[in-house]
Amino acid sequence: MALNIEFDNLLEKLKSERDELKLKLHLASMEAKEEFEEAEKNWDILKVKAAEIADDSKETSEEFIAKAKIVGEELKDAYSRISKRLAN
């Protein structure tokens, strides 16, 4: 399923970006830290959804995968905003 591969790629990219941000957070402003904490909630949701998608014993609909992808895209945007704040 091409959607699964695309979602897996998004998840891997987000994991890398998340790890990099965590390293830079000690230099961040309070605002960036607060946004990162909010993003962490979405990260936790996304991990649960990813586990359900990867579990072959559970049938996941294209709609479920699409919703998980939306959460992933929101995370991507949040990580981008935080990265820009850290670069300043």
N, C-alpha and C. Protein backbone atom coordinates (compact mmCIF):
# COMPACT_ATOMS: atom_id res chain seq x y z
N MET A 1 0.85 -1.18 0.00
CA MET A 1 0.00 0.00 0.00
C MET A 1 0.90 1.24 0.00
N ALA A 2 0.84 2.03 -1.05
CA ALA A 2 1.68 3.21 -1.19
C ALA A 2 1.47 4.20 -0.05
N LEU A 3 0.26 4.29 0.45
CA LEU A 3 -0.03 5.21 1.55
C LEU A 3 0.74 4.81 2.80
N ASN A 4 0.86 3.50 3.05
CA ASN A 4 1.62 3.03 4.21
C ASN A 4 3.09 3.41 4.09
N ILE A 5 3.67 3.24 2.90
CA ILE A 5 5.07 3.59 2.68
C ILE A 5 5.29 5.08 2.87
N GLU A 6 4.38 5.88 2.33
CA GLU A 6 4.47 7.32 2.48
C GLU A 6 4.37 7.71 3.95
N PHE A 7 3.47 7.07 4.67
CA PHE A 7 3.30 7.36 6.09
C PHE A 7 4.55 6.94 6.87
N ASP A 8 5.11 5.77 6.56
CA ASP A 8 6.34 5.32 7.23
C ASP A 8 7.48 6.30 7.00
N ASN A 9 7.61 6.82 5.78
CA ASN A 9 8.65 7.79 5.47
C ASN A 9 8.45 9.07 6.27
N LEU A 10 7.20 9.52 6.37
CA LEU A 10 6.89 10.71 7.15
C LEU A 10 7.24 10.49 8.61
N LEU A 11 6.88 9.35 9.15
CA LEU A 11 7.16 9.03 10.54
C LEU A 11 8.66 9.03 10.82
N GLU A 12 9.44 8.45 9.93
CA GLU A 12 10.89 8.39 10.11
C GLU A 12 11.50 9.79 10.05
N LYS A 13 11.03 10.61 9.13
CA LYS A 13 11.53 11.99 9.02
C LYS A 13 11.18 12.78 10.28
N LEU A 14 9.97 12.61 10.76
CA LEU A 14 9.55 13.30 11.98
C LEU A 14 10.38 12.86 13.18
N LYS A 15 10.70 11.59 13.26
CA LYS A 15 11.51 11.09 14.37
C LYS A 15 12.88 11.75 14.36
N SER A 16 13.50 11.84 13.19
CA SER A 16 14.81 12.48 13.08
C SER A 16 14.75 13.95 13.46
N GLU A 17 13.73 14.65 12.95
CA GLU A 17 13.58 16.06 13.25
C GLU A 17 13.32 16.27 14.74
N ARG A 18 12.51 15.41 15.32
CA ARG A 18 12.20 15.48 16.75
C ARG A 18 13.46 15.31 17.58
N ASP A 19 14.27 14.32 17.24
CA ASP A 19 15.49 14.07 17.98
C ASP A 19 16.44 15.26 17.91
N GLU A 20 16.56 15.86 16.74
CA GLU A 20 17.42 17.03 16.57
C GLU A 20 16.92 18.20 17.40
N LEU A 21 15.60 18.41 17.39
CA LEU A 21 15.03 19.51 18.17
C LEU A 21 15.26 19.32 19.68
N LYS A 22 15.13 18.10 20.13
CA LYS A 22 15.33 17.84 21.56
C LYS A 22 16.74 18.24 21.98
N LEU A 23 17.72 18.04 21.09
CA LEU A 23 19.09 18.42 21.40
C LEU A 23 19.26 19.93 21.50
N LYS A 24 18.52 20.67 20.69
CA LYS A 24 18.65 22.13 20.65
C LYS A 24 17.77 22.85 21.67
N LEU A 25 16.84 22.14 22.29
CA LEU A 25 15.86 22.80 23.15
C LEU A 25 16.46 23.53 24.34
N HIS A 26 17.60 23.07 24.82
CA HIS A 26 18.18 23.73 26.00
C HIS A 26 18.56 25.18 25.69
N LEU A 27 18.66 25.52 24.42
CA LEU A 27 18.96 26.89 24.01
C LEU A 27 17.71 27.68 23.65
N ALA A 28 16.59 27.04 23.71
CA ALA A 28 15.35 27.64 23.19
C ALA A 28 14.71 28.60 24.16
N SER A 29 13.88 29.43 23.59
CA SER A 29 13.08 30.33 24.40
C SER A 29 11.94 29.55 25.05
N MET A 30 11.33 30.14 26.03
CA MET A 30 10.21 29.50 26.71
C MET A 30 9.08 29.21 25.73
N GLU A 31 8.84 30.12 24.80
CA GLU A 31 7.77 29.93 23.82
C GLU A 31 8.02 28.67 22.98
N ALA A 32 9.24 28.50 22.53
CA ALA A 32 9.57 27.31 21.73
C ALA A 32 9.41 26.05 22.58
N LYS A 33 9.81 26.12 23.82
CA LYS A 33 9.67 24.96 24.71
C LYS A 33 8.20 24.60 24.90
N GLU A 34 7.36 25.61 25.08
CA GLU A 34 5.93 25.36 25.25
C GLU A 34 5.33 24.75 23.99
N GLU A 35 5.73 25.26 22.82
CA GLU A 35 5.21 24.69 21.57
C GLU A 35 5.69 23.26 21.40
N PHE A 36 6.94 22.99 21.80
CA PHE A 36 7.46 21.63 21.70
C PHE A 36 6.67 20.69 22.61
N GLU A 37 6.34 21.15 23.82
CA GLU A 37 5.54 20.33 24.73
C GLU A 37 4.18 20.00 24.13
N GLU A 38 3.57 20.95 23.46
CA GLU A 38 2.29 20.69 22.79
C GLU A 38 2.49 19.70 21.64
N ALA A 39 3.58 19.86 20.91
CA ALA A 39 3.88 18.94 19.81
C ALA A 39 4.11 17.53 20.33
N GLU A 40 4.66 17.41 21.52
CA GLU A 40 4.89 16.09 22.12
C GLU A 40 3.59 15.31 22.30
N LYS A 41 2.52 16.02 22.60
CA LYS A 41 1.21 15.37 22.73
C LYS A 41 0.80 14.75 21.40
N ASN A 42 1.00 15.51 20.31
CA ASN A 42 0.69 14.97 18.98
C ASN A 42 1.64 13.84 18.61
N TRP A 43 2.90 13.95 19.02
CA TRP A 43 3.87 12.87 18.77
C TRP A 43 3.38 11.58 19.42
N ASP A 44 2.90 11.67 20.66
CA ASP A 44 2.41 10.48 21.36
C ASP A 44 1.20 9.89 20.63
N ILE A 45 0.31 10.74 20.17
CA ILE A 45 -0.86 10.27 19.41
C ILE A 45 -0.42 9.58 18.13
N LEU A 46 0.55 10.20 17.44
CA LEU A 46 1.02 9.66 16.18
C LEU A 46 1.70 8.30 16.37
N LYS A 47 2.46 8.15 17.45
CA LYS A 47 3.11 6.86 17.72
C LYS A 47 2.08 5.75 17.91
N VAL A 48 1.01 6.05 18.62
CA VAL A 48 -0.06 5.06 18.83
C VAL A 48 -0.70 4.69 17.50
N LYS A 49 -1.00 5.70 16.70
CA LYS A 49 -1.61 5.44 15.39
C LYS A 49 -0.66 4.64 14.50
N ALA A 50 0.62 4.96 14.54
CA ALA A 50 1.61 4.24 13.73
C ALA A 50 1.69 2.78 14.15
N ALA A 51 1.63 2.53 15.44
CA ALA A 51 1.67 1.14 15.94
C ALA A 51 0.44 0.38 15.46
N GLU A 52 -0.71 1.04 15.47
CA GLU A 52 -1.94 0.39 15.00
C GLU A 52 -1.86 0.11 13.50
N ILE A 53 -1.29 1.04 12.74
CA ILE A 53 -1.15 0.84 11.30
C ILE A 53 -0.19 -0.30 11.02
N ALA A 54 0.89 -0.38 11.78
CA ALA A 54 1.91 -1.41 11.56
C ALA A 54 1.45 -2.79 12.03
N ASP A 55 0.47 -2.85 12.92
CA ASP A 55 -0.02 -4.11 13.46
C ASP A 55 -0.86 -4.83 12.40
N ASP A 56 -0.30 -5.88 11.85
CA ASP A 56 -1.00 -6.62 10.79
C ASP A 56 -2.29 -7.28 11.27
N SER A 57 -2.42 -7.48 12.59
CA SER A 57 -3.62 -8.13 13.10
C SER A 57 -4.81 -7.16 13.14
N LYS A 58 -4.51 -5.86 13.01
CA LYS A 58 -5.58 -4.87 13.02
C LYS A 58 -5.78 -4.34 11.62
N GLU A 59 -7.02 -4.25 11.23
CA GLU A 59 -7.33 -3.69 9.92
C GLU A 59 -7.46 -2.18 10.05
N THR A 60 -6.67 -1.47 9.27
CA THR A 60 -6.74 -0.02 9.31
C THR A 60 -7.28 0.49 7.98
N SER A 61 -8.17 1.42 8.08
CA SER A 61 -8.79 1.97 6.88
C SER A 61 -7.90 3.07 6.30
N GLU A 62 -8.14 3.36 5.06
CA GLU A 62 -7.42 4.46 4.41
C GLU A 62 -7.74 5.78 5.13
N GLU A 63 -8.97 5.89 5.64
CA GLU A 63 -9.36 7.10 6.37
C GLU A 63 -8.53 7.25 7.65
N PHE A 64 -8.32 6.13 8.36
CA PHE A 64 -7.52 6.15 9.59
C PHE A 64 -6.10 6.58 9.27
N ILE A 65 -5.54 6.02 8.21
CA ILE A 65 -4.17 6.37 7.81
C ILE A 65 -4.11 7.83 7.39
N ALA A 66 -5.11 8.30 6.68
CA ALA A 66 -5.15 9.70 6.25
C ALA A 66 -5.21 10.63 7.46
N LYS A 67 -5.99 10.27 8.47
CA LYS A 67 -6.06 11.09 9.68
C LYS A 67 -4.73 11.10 10.41
N ALA A 68 -4.07 9.96 10.47
CA ALA A 68 -2.75 9.89 11.09
C ALA A 68 -1.76 10.76 10.33
N LYS A 69 -1.89 10.75 9.03
CA LYS A 69 -1.00 11.57 8.19
C LYS A 69 -1.23 13.05 8.47
N ILE A 70 -2.47 13.46 8.71
CA ILE A 70 -2.77 14.85 9.04
C ILE A 70 -2.08 15.24 10.34
N VAL A 71 -2.15 14.37 11.34
CA VAL A 71 -1.45 14.64 12.60
C VAL A 71 0.05 14.78 12.34
N GLY A 72 0.57 13.91 11.48
CA GLY A 72 1.99 13.98 11.13
C GLY A 72 2.34 15.29 10.44
N GLU A 73 1.49 15.75 9.56
CA GLU A 73 1.74 17.02 8.87
C GLU A 73 1.68 18.19 9.85
N GLU A 74 0.77 18.13 10.82
CA GLU A 74 0.70 19.17 11.84
C GLU A 74 1.98 19.19 12.66
N LEU A 75 2.49 18.01 12.97
CA LEU A 75 3.76 17.92 13.69
C LEU A 75 4.90 18.49 12.86
N LYS A 76 4.90 18.17 11.60
CA LYS A 76 5.94 18.68 10.70
C LYS A 76 5.94 20.21 10.72
N ASP A 77 4.76 20.82 10.66
CA ASP A 77 4.65 22.27 10.70
C ASP A 77 5.14 22.83 12.04
N ALA A 78 4.74 22.19 13.12
CA ALA A 78 5.17 22.64 14.46
C ALA A 78 6.68 22.53 14.59
N TYR A 79 7.27 21.42 14.14
CA TYR A 79 8.72 21.25 14.21
C TYR A 79 9.43 22.31 13.37
N SER A 80 8.86 22.66 12.24
CA SER A 80 9.45 23.68 11.38
C SER A 80 9.45 25.04 12.08
N ARG A 81 8.32 25.38 12.69
CA ARG A 81 8.25 26.65 13.42
C ARG A 81 9.25 26.69 14.57
N ILE A 82 9.36 25.59 15.29
CA ILE A 82 10.29 25.54 16.43
C ILE A 82 11.72 25.64 15.92
N SER A 83 12.03 24.97 14.83
CA SER A 83 13.39 25.04 14.26
C SER A 83 13.75 26.47 13.89
N LYS A 84 12.80 27.19 13.30
CA LYS A 84 13.05 28.58 12.93
C LYS A 84 13.32 29.43 14.16
N ARG A 85 12.60 29.18 15.24
CA ARG A 85 12.83 29.93 16.47
C ARG A 85 14.22 29.62 17.03
N LEU A 86 14.63 28.38 16.94
CA LEU A 86 15.93 27.99 17.48
C LEU A 86 17.09 28.53 16.63
N ALA A 87 16.83 28.77 15.36
CA ALA A 87 17.86 29.27 14.47
C ALA A 87 18.15 30.76 14.71
N ASN A 88 17.21 31.47 15.33
CA ASN A 88 17.39 32.91 15.56
C ASN A 88 18.31 33.19 16.71
